[in-house]
PDB file of all heavy atoms in Angstrom:
ATOM      1  N   ARG A   1     -19.807  44.603  23.875  1.00  0.00           N
ATOM      2  CA  ARG A   1     -20.065  43.693  25.001  1.00  0.00           C
ATOM      3  C   ARG A   1     -21.473  43.107  24.907  1.00  0.00           C
ATOM      4  O   ARG A   1     -21.665  41.918  25.145  1.00  0.00           O
ATOM      5  CB  ARG A   1     -19.893  44.431  26.326  1.00  0.00           C
ATOM      6  CG  ARG A   1     -18.461  44.857  26.643  1.00  0.00           C
ATOM      7  CD  ARG A   1     -17.628  43.739  27.209  1.00  0.00           C
ATOM      8  NE  ARG A   1     -18.244  43.113  28.345  1.00  0.00           N
ATOM      9  CZ  ARG A   1     -18.303  43.627  29.575  1.00  0.00           C
ATOM     10  NH1 ARG A   1     -17.751  44.775  29.837  1.00  0.00           N
ATOM     11  NH2 ARG A   1     -18.905  42.963  30.539  1.00  0.00           N
ATOM     12  N   LEU A   2     -22.459  43.951  24.545  1.00  0.00           N
ATOM     13  CA  LEU A   2     -23.816  43.433  24.374  1.00  0.00           C
ATOM     14  C   LEU A   2     -23.853  42.411  23.245  1.00  0.00           C
ATOM     15  O   LEU A   2     -24.515  41.378  23.363  1.00  0.00           O
ATOM     16  CB  LEU A   2     -24.796  44.569  24.071  1.00  0.00           C
ATOM     17  CG  LEU A   2     -25.437  45.262  25.252  1.00  0.00           C
ATOM     18  CD1 LEU A   2     -26.414  46.327  24.780  1.00  0.00           C
ATOM     19  CD2 LEU A   2     -26.132  44.298  26.181  1.00  0.00           C
ATOM     20  N   ALA A   3     -23.165  42.711  22.142  1.00  0.00           N
ATOM     21  CA  ALA A   3     -23.130  41.773  21.014  1.00  0.00           C
ATOM     22  C   ALA A   3     -22.565  40.427  21.470  1.00  0.00           C
ATOM     23  O   ALA A   3     -23.119  39.368  21.138  1.00  0.00           O
ATOM     24  CB  ALA A   3     -22.306  42.343  19.862  1.00  0.00           C
ATOM     25  N   GLU A   4     -21.498  40.457  22.243  1.00  0.00           N
ATOM     26  CA  GLU A   4     -20.922  39.210  22.746  1.00  0.00           C
ATOM     27  C   GLU A   4     -21.932  38.461  23.618  1.00  0.00           C
ATOM     28  O   GLU A   4     -22.081  37.241  23.499  1.00  0.00           O
ATOM     29  CB  GLU A   4     -19.656  39.508  23.548  1.00  0.00           C
ATOM     30  CG  GLU A   4     -18.513  40.016  22.703  1.00  0.00           C
ATOM     31  CD  GLU A   4     -17.367  40.588  23.507  1.00  0.00           C
ATOM     32  OE1 GLU A   4     -17.520  40.839  24.730  1.00  0.00           O
ATOM     33  OE2 GLU A   4     -16.302  40.780  22.910  1.00  0.00           O
ATOM     34  N   ASN A   5     -22.633  39.193  24.470  1.00  0.00           N
ATOM     35  CA  ASN A   5     -23.608  38.567  25.366  1.00  0.00           C
ATOM     36  C   ASN A   5     -24.827  38.040  24.633  1.00  0.00           C
ATOM     37  O   ASN A   5     -25.540  37.179  25.151  1.00  0.00           O
ATOM     38  CB  ASN A   5     -24.029  39.555  26.451  1.00  0.00           C
ATOM     39  CG  ASN A   5     -22.919  39.874  27.423  1.00  0.00           C
ATOM     40  OD1 ASN A   5     -21.925  39.158  27.512  1.00  0.00           O
ATOM     41  ND2 ASN A   5     -23.058  40.964  28.141  1.00  0.00           N
ATOM     42  N   ILE A   6     -25.095  38.553  23.445  1.00  0.00           N
ATOM     43  CA  ILE A   6     -26.247  38.103  22.658  1.00  0.00           C
ATOM     44  C   ILE A   6     -25.836  36.999  21.686  1.00  0.00           C
ATOM     45  O   ILE A   6     -26.531  35.986  21.551  1.00  0.00           O
ATOM     46  CB  ILE A   6     -26.886  39.296  21.910  1.00  0.00           C
ATOM     47  CG1 ILE A   6     -27.544  40.245  22.916  1.00  0.00           C
ATOM     48  CG2 ILE A   6     -27.885  38.825  20.859  1.00  0.00           C
ATOM     49  CD1 ILE A   6     -27.961  41.586  22.333  1.00  0.00           C
ATOM     50  N   VAL A   7     -24.709  37.180  21.014  1.00  0.00           N
ATOM     51  CA  VAL A   7     -24.302  36.244  19.960  1.00  0.00           C
ATOM     52  C   VAL A   7     -23.788  34.928  20.532  1.00  0.00           C
ATOM     53  O   VAL A   7     -24.188  33.855  20.067  1.00  0.00           O
ATOM     54  CB  VAL A   7     -23.248  36.896  19.039  1.00  0.00           C
ATOM     55  CG1 VAL A   7     -22.657  35.882  18.072  1.00  0.00           C
ATOM     56  CG2 VAL A   7     -23.864  38.067  18.275  1.00  0.00           C
ATOM     57  N   LEU A   8     -22.900  34.978  21.512  1.00  0.00           N
ATOM     58  CA  LEU A   8     -22.280  33.746  22.002  1.00  0.00           C
ATOM     59  C   LEU A   8     -23.289  32.721  22.528  1.00  0.00           C
ATOM     60  O   LEU A   8     -23.182  31.542  22.192  1.00  0.00           O
ATOM     61  CB  LEU A   8     -21.210  34.070  23.044  1.00  0.00           C
ATOM     62  CG  LEU A   8     -19.950  34.728  22.485  1.00  0.00           C
ATOM     63  CD1 LEU A   8     -18.999  35.110  23.612  1.00  0.00           C
ATOM     64  CD2 LEU A   8     -19.257  33.831  21.485  1.00  0.00           C
ATOM     65  N   PRO A   9     -24.270  33.110  23.345  1.00  0.00           N
ATOM     66  CA  PRO A   9     -25.232  32.093  23.797  1.00  0.00           C
ATOM     67  C   PRO A   9     -26.071  31.503  22.659  1.00  0.00           C
ATOM     68  O   PRO A   9     -26.474  30.347  22.723  1.00  0.00           O
ATOM     69  CB  PRO A   9     -26.133  32.841  24.779  1.00  0.00           C
ATOM     70  CG  PRO A   9     -25.335  34.010  25.223  1.00  0.00           C
ATOM     71  CD  PRO A   9     -24.469  34.378  24.055  1.00  0.00           C
ATOM     72  N   ALA A  10     -26.308  32.281  21.612  1.00  0.00           N
ATOM     73  CA  ALA A  10     -27.136  31.798  20.511  1.00  0.00           C
ATOM     74  C   ALA A  10     -26.364  30.929  19.529  1.00  0.00           C
ATOM     75  O   ALA A  10     -26.952  30.078  18.851  1.00  0.00           O
ATOM     76  CB  ALA A  10     -27.748  32.988  19.757  1.00  0.00           C
ATOM     77  N   THR A  11     -25.052  31.123  19.438  1.00  0.00           N
ATOM     78  CA  THR A  11     -24.282  30.387  18.435  1.00  0.00           C
ATOM     79  C   THR A  11     -23.309  29.385  19.032  1.00  0.00           C
ATOM     80  O   THR A  11     -22.769  28.562  18.294  1.00  0.00           O
ATOM     81  CB  THR A  11     -23.474  31.365  17.550  1.00  0.00           C
ATOM     82  OG1 THR A  11     -22.532  32.068  18.347  1.00  0.00           O
ATOM     83  CG2 THR A  11     -24.385  32.335  16.820  1.00  0.00           C
ATOM     84  N   GLY A  12     -23.066  29.447  20.318  1.00  0.00           N
ATOM     85  CA  GLY A  12     -22.053  28.603  20.940  1.00  0.00           C
ATOM     86  C   GLY A  12     -22.390  27.127  20.903  1.00  0.00           C
ATOM     87  O   GLY A  12     -23.549  26.725  21.001  1.00  0.00           O
ATOM     88  N   VAL A  13     -21.359  26.309  20.743  1.00  0.00           N
ATOM     89  CA  VAL A  13     -21.519  24.855  20.703  1.00  0.00           C
ATOM     90  C   VAL A  13     -22.131  24.348  21.995  1.00  0.00           C
ATOM     91  O   VAL A  13     -22.884  23.383  21.997  1.00  0.00           O
ATOM     92  CB  VAL A  13     -20.151  24.174  20.452  1.00  0.00           C
ATOM     93  CG1 VAL A  13     -20.255  22.665  20.592  1.00  0.00           C
ATOM     94  CG2 VAL A  13     -19.636  24.540  19.084  1.00  0.00           C
ATOM     95  N   LEU A  14     -21.848  24.997  23.096  1.00  0.00           N
ATOM     96  CA  LEU A  14     -22.332  24.526  24.387  1.00  0.00           C
ATOM     97  C   LEU A  14     -23.733  25.032  24.705  1.00  0.00           C
ATOM     98  O   LEU A  14     -24.129  25.070  25.853  1.00  0.00           O
ATOM     99  CB  LEU A  14     -21.355  24.938  25.492  1.00  0.00           C
ATOM    100  CG  LEU A  14     -19.947  24.366  25.329  1.00  0.00           C
ATOM    101  CD1 LEU A  14     -19.034  24.901  26.417  1.00  0.00           C
ATOM    102  CD2 LEU A  14     -19.965  22.857  25.328  1.00  0.00           C
ATOM    103  N   GLY A  15     -24.498  25.394  23.692  1.00  0.00           N
ATOM    104  CA  GLY A  15     -25.866  25.854  23.899  1.00  0.00           C
ATOM    105  C   GLY A  15     -26.777  24.696  24.264  1.00  0.00           C
ATOM    106  O   GLY A  15     -26.335  23.640  24.709  1.00  0.00           O
ATOM    107  N   ASN A  16     -28.060  24.874  24.059  1.00  0.00           N
ATOM    108  CA  ASN A  16     -29.039  23.839  24.393  1.00  0.00           C
ATOM    109  C   ASN A  16     -28.918  22.652  23.443  1.00  0.00           C
ATOM    110  O   ASN A  16     -28.668  22.804  22.265  1.00  0.00           O
ATOM    111  CB  ASN A  16     -30.460  24.411  24.304  1.00  0.00           C
ATOM    112  CG  ASN A  16     -30.674  25.503  25.326  1.00  0.00           C
ATOM    113  OD1 ASN A  16     -30.034  25.518  26.369  1.00  0.00           O
ATOM    114  ND2 ASN A  16     -31.563  26.425  25.029  1.00  0.00           N
ATOM    115  N   GLY A  17     -29.129  21.456  23.962  1.00  0.00           N
ATOM    116  CA  GLY A  17     -29.131  20.262  23.136  1.00  0.00           C
ATOM    117  C   GLY A  17     -27.741  19.693  22.930  1.00  0.00           C
ATOM    118  O   GLY A  17     -26.741  20.213  23.412  1.00  0.00           O
ATOM    119  N   GLU A  18     -27.713  18.603  22.188  1.00  0.00           N
ATOM    120  CA  GLU A  18     -26.467  17.914  21.896  1.00  0.00           C
ATOM    121  C   GLU A  18     -25.753  18.573  20.725  1.00  0.00           C
ATOM    122  O   GLU A  18     -26.390  18.916  19.729  1.00  0.00           O
ATOM    123  CB  GLU A  18     -26.760  16.451  21.546  1.00  0.00           C
ATOM    124  CG  GLU A  18     -27.237  15.625  22.715  1.00  0.00           C
ATOM    125  CD  GLU A  18     -26.168  15.463  23.779  1.00  0.00           C
ATOM    126  OE1 GLU A  18     -25.007  15.184  23.429  1.00  0.00           O
ATOM    127  OE2 GLU A  18     -26.498  15.628  24.971  1.00  0.00           O
ATOM    128  N   PRO A  19     -24.443  18.770  20.824  1.00  0.00           N
ATOM    129  CA  PRO A  19     -23.694  19.336  19.690  1.00  0.00           C
ATOM    130  C   PRO A  19     -23.752  18.407  18.484  1.00  0.00           C
ATOM    131  O   PRO A  19     -23.788  17.194  18.620  1.00  0.00           O
ATOM    132  CB  PRO A  19     -22.266  19.436  20.211  1.00  0.00           C
ATOM    133  CG  PRO A  19     -22.329  19.256  21.674  1.00  0.00           C
ATOM    134  CD  PRO A  19     -23.592  18.523  21.978  1.00  0.00           C
ATOM    135  N   HIS A  20     -23.778  18.987  17.292  1.00  0.00           N
ATOM    136  CA  HIS A  20     -23.740  18.241  16.040  1.00  0.00           C
ATOM    137  C   HIS A  20     -22.972  19.087  15.036  1.00  0.00           C
ATOM    138  O   HIS A  20     -22.500  20.179  15.366  1.00  0.00           O
ATOM    139  CB  HIS A  20     -25.156  17.903  15.551  1.00  0.00           C
ATOM    140  CG  HIS A  20     -26.093  19.066  15.564  1.00  0.00           C
ATOM    141  ND1 HIS A  20     -26.129  20.009  14.561  1.00  0.00           N
ATOM    142  CD2 HIS A  20     -27.003  19.462  16.481  1.00  0.00           C
ATOM    143  CE1 HIS A  20     -27.040  20.931  14.857  1.00  0.00           C
ATOM    144  NE2 HIS A  20     -27.580  20.624  16.026  1.00  0.00           N
ATOM    145  N   ALA A  21     -22.813  18.616  13.805  1.00  0.00           N
ATOM    146  CA  ALA A  21     -21.987  19.304  12.803  1.00  0.00           C
ATOM    147  C   ALA A  21     -22.431  20.750  12.607  1.00  0.00           C
ATOM    148  O   ALA A  21     -21.603  21.658  12.519  1.00  0.00           O
ATOM    149  CB  ALA A  21     -22.022  18.545  11.484  1.00  0.00           C
ATOM    150  N   ASP A  22     -23.724  20.992  12.552  1.00  0.00           N
ATOM    151  CA  ASP A  22     -24.217  22.355  12.353  1.00  0.00           C
ATOM    152  C   ASP A  22     -23.904  23.247  13.551  1.00  0.00           C
ATOM    153  O   ASP A  22     -23.718  24.448  13.392  1.00  0.00           O
ATOM    154  CB  ASP A  22     -25.728  22.368  12.096  1.00  0.00           C
ATOM    155  CG  ASP A  22     -26.086  21.740  10.758  1.00  0.00           C
ATOM    156  OD1 ASP A  22     -25.186  21.623   9.898  1.00  0.00           O
ATOM    157  OD2 ASP A  22     -27.258  21.361  10.573  1.00  0.00           O
ATOM    158  N   SER A  23     -23.838  22.660  14.743  1.00  0.00           N
ATOM    159  CA  SER A  23     -23.510  23.439  15.940  1.00  0.00           C
ATOM    160  C   SER A  23     -22.137  24.072  15.799  1.00  0.00           C
ATOM    161  O   SER A  23     -21.938  25.232  16.145  1.00  0.00           O
ATOM    162  CB  SER A  23     -23.500  22.558  17.187  1.00  0.00           C
ATOM    163  OG  SER A  23     -24.713  21.929  17.400  1.00  0.00           O
ATOM    164  N   PHE A  24     -21.192  23.301  15.292  1.00  0.00           N
ATOM    165  CA  PHE A  24     -19.829  23.805  15.160  1.00  0.00           C
ATOM    166  C   PHE A  24     -19.737  24.881  14.089  1.00  0.00           C
ATOM    167  O   PHE A  24     -19.002  25.857  14.250  1.00  0.00           O
ATOM    168  CB  PHE A  24     -18.862  22.646  14.904  1.00  0.00           C
ATOM    169  CG  PHE A  24     -18.762  21.722  16.079  1.00  0.00           C
ATOM    170  CD1 PHE A  24     -19.488  20.544  16.120  1.00  0.00           C
ATOM    171  CD2 PHE A  24     -17.973  22.046  17.167  1.00  0.00           C
ATOM    172  CE1 PHE A  24     -19.419  19.706  17.214  1.00  0.00           C
ATOM    173  CE2 PHE A  24     -17.896  21.211  18.276  1.00  0.00           C
ATOM    174  CZ  PHE A  24     -18.625  20.036  18.300  1.00  0.00           C
ATOM    175  N   ALA A  25     -20.495  24.741  13.017  1.00  0.00           N
ATOM    176  CA  ALA A  25     -20.514  25.772  11.972  1.00  0.00           C
ATOM    177  C   ALA A  25     -21.121  27.060  12.523  1.00  0.00           C
ATOM    178  O   ALA A  25     -20.599  28.154  12.286  1.00  0.00           O
ATOM    179  CB  ALA A  25     -21.298  25.279  10.757  1.00  0.00           C
ATOM    180  N   LEU A  26     -22.226  26.949  13.250  1.00  0.00           N
ATOM    181  CA  LEU A  26     -22.869  28.126  13.830  1.00  0.00           C
ATOM    182  C   LEU A  26     -21.953  28.804  14.849  1.00  0.00           C
ATOM    183  O   LEU A  26     -21.851  30.032  14.891  1.00  0.00           O
ATOM    184  CB  LEU A  26     -24.202  27.744  14.473  1.00  0.00           C
ATOM    185  CG  LEU A  26     -25.066  28.883  14.986  1.00  0.00           C
ATOM    186  CD1 LEU A  26     -25.422  29.857  13.862  1.00  0.00           C
ATOM    187  CD2 LEU A  26     -26.344  28.330  15.613  1.00  0.00           C
ATOM    188  N   ASP A  27     -21.244  28.000  15.644  1.00  0.00           N
ATOM    189  CA  ASP A  27     -20.296  28.546  16.606  1.00  0.00           C
ATOM    190  C   ASP A  27     -19.225  29.364  15.880  1.00  0.00           C
ATOM    191  O   ASP A  27     -18.886  30.463  16.305  1.00  0.00           O
ATOM    192  CB  ASP A  27     -19.648  27.414  17.400  1.00  0.00           C
ATOM    193  CG  ASP A  27     -18.623  27.913  18.405  1.00  0.00           C
ATOM    194  OD1 ASP A  27     -19.022  28.597  19.369  1.00  0.00           O
ATOM    195  OD2 ASP A  27     -17.427  27.625  18.215  1.00  0.00           O
ATOM    196  N   GLU A  28     -18.711  28.833  14.774  1.00  0.00           N
ATOM    197  CA  GLU A  28     -17.664  29.534  14.032  1.00  0.00           C
ATOM    198  C   GLU A  28     -18.209  30.819  13.404  1.00  0.00           C
ATOM    199  O   GLU A  28     -17.522  31.844  13.398  1.00  0.00           O
ATOM    200  CB  GLU A  28     -17.070  28.615  12.953  1.00  0.00           C
ATOM    201  CG  GLU A  28     -15.780  29.129  12.386  1.00  0.00           C
ATOM    202  CD  GLU A  28     -14.692  29.341  13.426  1.00  0.00           C
ATOM    203  OE1 GLU A  28     -14.619  28.612  14.430  1.00  0.00           O
ATOM    204  OE2 GLU A  28     -13.873  30.273  13.229  1.00  0.00           O
ATOM    205  N   VAL A  29     -19.440  30.787  12.905  1.00  0.00           N
ATOM    206  CA  VAL A  29     -20.052  31.999  12.341  1.00  0.00           C
ATOM    207  C   VAL A  29     -20.173  33.075  13.426  1.00  0.00           C
ATOM    208  O   VAL A  29     -19.874  34.251  13.191  1.00  0.00           O
ATOM    209  CB  VAL A  29     -21.418  31.691  11.703  1.00  0.00           C
ATOM    210  CG1 VAL A  29     -22.188  32.952  11.386  1.00  0.00           C
ATOM    211  CG2 VAL A  29     -21.237  30.847  10.449  1.00  0.00           C
ATOM    212  N   GLY A  30     -20.602  32.698  14.610  1.00  0.00           N
ATOM    213  CA  GLY A  30     -20.696  33.651  15.720  1.00  0.00           C
ATOM    214  C   GLY A  30     -19.336  34.235  16.064  1.00  0.00           C
ATOM    215  O   GLY A  30     -19.197  35.442  16.284  1.00  0.00           O
ATOM    216  N   CYS A  31     -18.297  33.392  16.085  1.00  0.00           N
ATOM    217  CA  CYS A  31     -16.947  33.873  16.385  1.00  0.00           C
ATOM    218  C   CYS A  31     -16.445  34.826  15.304  1.00  0.00           C
ATOM    219  O   CYS A  31     -15.799  35.839  15.606  1.00  0.00           O
ATOM    220  CB  CYS A  31     -15.983  32.695  16.530  1.00  0.00           C
ATOM    221  SG  CYS A  31     -16.269  31.717  18.019  1.00  0.00           S
ATOM    222  N   ILE A  32     -16.746  34.522  14.044  1.00  0.00           N
ATOM    223  CA  ILE A  32     -16.321  35.396  12.941  1.00  0.00           C
ATOM    224  C   ILE A  32     -17.018  36.744  13.041  1.00  0.00           C
ATOM    225  O   ILE A  32     -16.381  37.790  12.886  1.00  0.00           O
ATOM    226  CB  ILE A  32     -16.599  34.718  11.576  1.00  0.00           C
ATOM    227  CG1 ILE A  32     -15.649  33.536  11.401  1.00  0.00           C
ATOM    228  CG2 ILE A  32     -16.482  35.712  10.431  1.00  0.00           C
ATOM    229  CD1 ILE A  32     -16.019  32.621  10.249  1.00  0.00           C
ATOM    230  N   LEU A  33     -18.318  36.742  13.301  1.00  0.00           N
ATOM    231  CA  LEU A  33     -19.059  37.995  13.452  1.00  0.00           C
ATOM    232  C   LEU A  33     -18.448  38.834  14.575  1.00  0.00           C
ATOM    233  O   LEU A  33     -18.166  40.021  14.400  1.00  0.00           O
ATOM    234  CB  LEU A  33     -20.541  37.726  13.730  1.00  0.00           C
ATOM    235  CG  LEU A  33     -21.378  38.939  14.141  1.00  0.00           C
ATOM    236  CD1 LEU A  33     -21.410  39.982  13.027  1.00  0.00           C
ATOM    237  CD2 LEU A  33     -22.784  38.510  14.529  1.00  0.00           C
ATOM    238  N   LEU A  34     -18.236  38.226  15.726  1.00  0.00           N
ATOM    239  CA  LEU A  34     -17.684  38.980  16.863  1.00  0.00           C
ATOM    240  C   LEU A  34     -16.259  39.448  16.591  1.00  0.00           C
ATOM    241  O   LEU A  34     -15.883  40.551  16.982  1.00  0.00           O
ATOM    242  CB  LEU A  34     -17.755  38.146  18.136  1.00  0.00           C
ATOM    243  CG  LEU A  34     -19.174  37.918  18.653  1.00  0.00           C
ATOM    244  CD1 LEU A  34     -19.160  36.943  19.830  1.00  0.00           C
ATOM    245  CD2 LEU A  34     -19.834  39.225  19.045  1.00  0.00           C
ATOM    246  N   SER A  35     -15.488  38.643  15.899  1.00  0.00           N
ATOM    247  CA  SER A  35     -14.132  39.049  15.547  1.00  0.00           C
ATOM    248  C   SER A  35     -14.150  40.297  14.665  1.00  0.00           C
ATOM    249  O   SER A  35     -13.382  41.239  14.895  1.00  0.00           O
ATOM    250  CB  SER A  35     -13.415  37.899  14.825  1.00  0.00           C
ATOM    251  OG  SER A  35     -12.135  38.287  14.419  1.00  0.00           O
ATOM    252  N   ALA A  36     -15.033  40.319  13.680  1.00  0.00           N
ATOM    253  CA  ALA A  36     -15.136  41.492  12.804  1.00  0.00           C
ATOM    254  C   ALA A  36     -15.598  42.723  13.592  1.00  0.00           C
ATOM    255  O   ALA A  36     -15.066  43.825  13.404  1.00  0.00           O
ATOM    256  CB  ALA A  36     -16.097  41.204  11.655  1.00  0.00           C
ATOM    257  N   LEU A  37     -16.569  42.541  14.481  1.00  0.00           N
ATOM    258  CA  LEU A  37     -17.044  43.670  15.291  1.00  0.00           C
ATOM    259  C   LEU A  37     -15.959  44.166  16.235  1.00  0.00           C
ATOM    260  O   LEU A  37     -15.811  45.376  16.443  1.00  0.00           O
ATOM    261  CB  LEU A  37     -18.298  43.281  16.070  1.00  0.00           C
ATOM    262  CG  LEU A  37     -19.547  42.980  15.232  1.00  0.00           C
ATOM    263  CD1 LEU A  37     -20.699  42.546  16.136  1.00  0.00           C
ATOM    264  CD2 LEU A  37     -19.932  44.146  14.361  1.00  0.00           C
ATOM    265  N   ARG A  38     -15.158  43.249  16.792  1.00  0.00           N
ATOM    266  CA  ARG A  38     -14.053  43.659  17.674  1.00  0.00           C
ATOM    267  C   ARG A  38     -13.005  44.458  16.902  1.00  0.00           C
ATOM    268  O   ARG A  38     -12.513  45.475  17.386  1.00  0.00           O
ATOM    269  CB  ARG A  38     -13.408  42.440  18.313  1.00  0.00           C
ATOM    270  CG  ARG A  38     -14.247  41.811  19.387  1.00  0.00           C
ATOM    271  CD  ARG A  38     -13.526  40.611  20.006  1.00  0.00           C
ATOM    272  NE  ARG A  38     -14.426  39.875  20.851  1.00  0.00           N
ATOM    273  CZ  ARG A  38     -14.791  38.607  20.648  1.00  0.00           C
ATOM    274  NH1 ARG A  38     -14.302  37.926  19.633  1.00  0.00           N
ATOM    275  NH2 ARG A  38     -15.637  38.024  21.466  1.00  0.00           N
ATOM    276  N   ASP A  39     -12.667  43.972  15.692  1.00  0.00           N
ATOM    277  CA  ASP A  39     -11.687  44.699  14.873  1.00  0.00           C
ATOM    278  C   ASP A  39     -12.194  46.091  14.539  1.00  0.00           C
ATOM    279  O   ASP A  39     -11.445  47.066  14.602  1.00  0.00           O
ATOM    280  CB  ASP A  39     -11.388  43.930  13.586  1.00  0.00           C
ATOM    281  CG  ASP A  39     -10.562  42.678  13.830  1.00  0.00           C
ATOM    282  OD1 ASP A  39      -9.991  42.526  14.930  1.00  0.00           O
ATOM    283  OD2 ASP A  39     -10.493  41.842  12.901  1.00  0.00           O
ATOM    284  N   TRP A  40     -13.451  46.182  14.164  1.00  0.00           N
ATOM    285  CA  TRP A  40     -14.045  47.472  13.816  1.00  0.00           C
ATOM    286  C   TRP A  40     -14.012  48.415  15.021  1.00  0.00           C
ATOM    287  O   TRP A  40     -13.645  49.577  14.914  1.00  0.00           O
ATOM    288  CB  TRP A  40     -15.471  47.242  13.352  1.00  0.00           C
ATOM    289  CG  TRP A  40     -16.153  48.386  12.665  1.00  0.00           C
ATOM    290  CD1 TRP A  40     -15.656  49.636  12.402  1.00  0.00           C
ATOM    291  CD2 TRP A  40     -17.474  48.368  12.148  1.00  0.00           C
ATOM    292  NE1 TRP A  40     -16.601  50.392  11.752  1.00  0.00           N
ATOM    293  CE2 TRP A  40     -17.723  49.633  11.584  1.00  0.00           C
ATOM    294  CE3 TRP A  40     -18.470  47.405  12.106  1.00  0.00           C
ATOM    295  CZ2 TRP A  40     -18.940  49.966  10.992  1.00  0.00           C
ATOM    296  CZ3 TRP A  40     -19.673  47.733  11.501  1.00  0.00           C
ATOM    297  CH2 TRP A  40     -19.903  48.996  10.959  1.00  0.00           C
TER     298      TRP A  40
END
């Protein structure tokens, strides 16, 4: 739960500033990390 609360705000597309191509890649990396941690 802490990981979700830390990772999602830092990697989410809806973070600070305007979304751009790198925003979507970072969002997906955050989702992949959390998915692996959830499976584990």
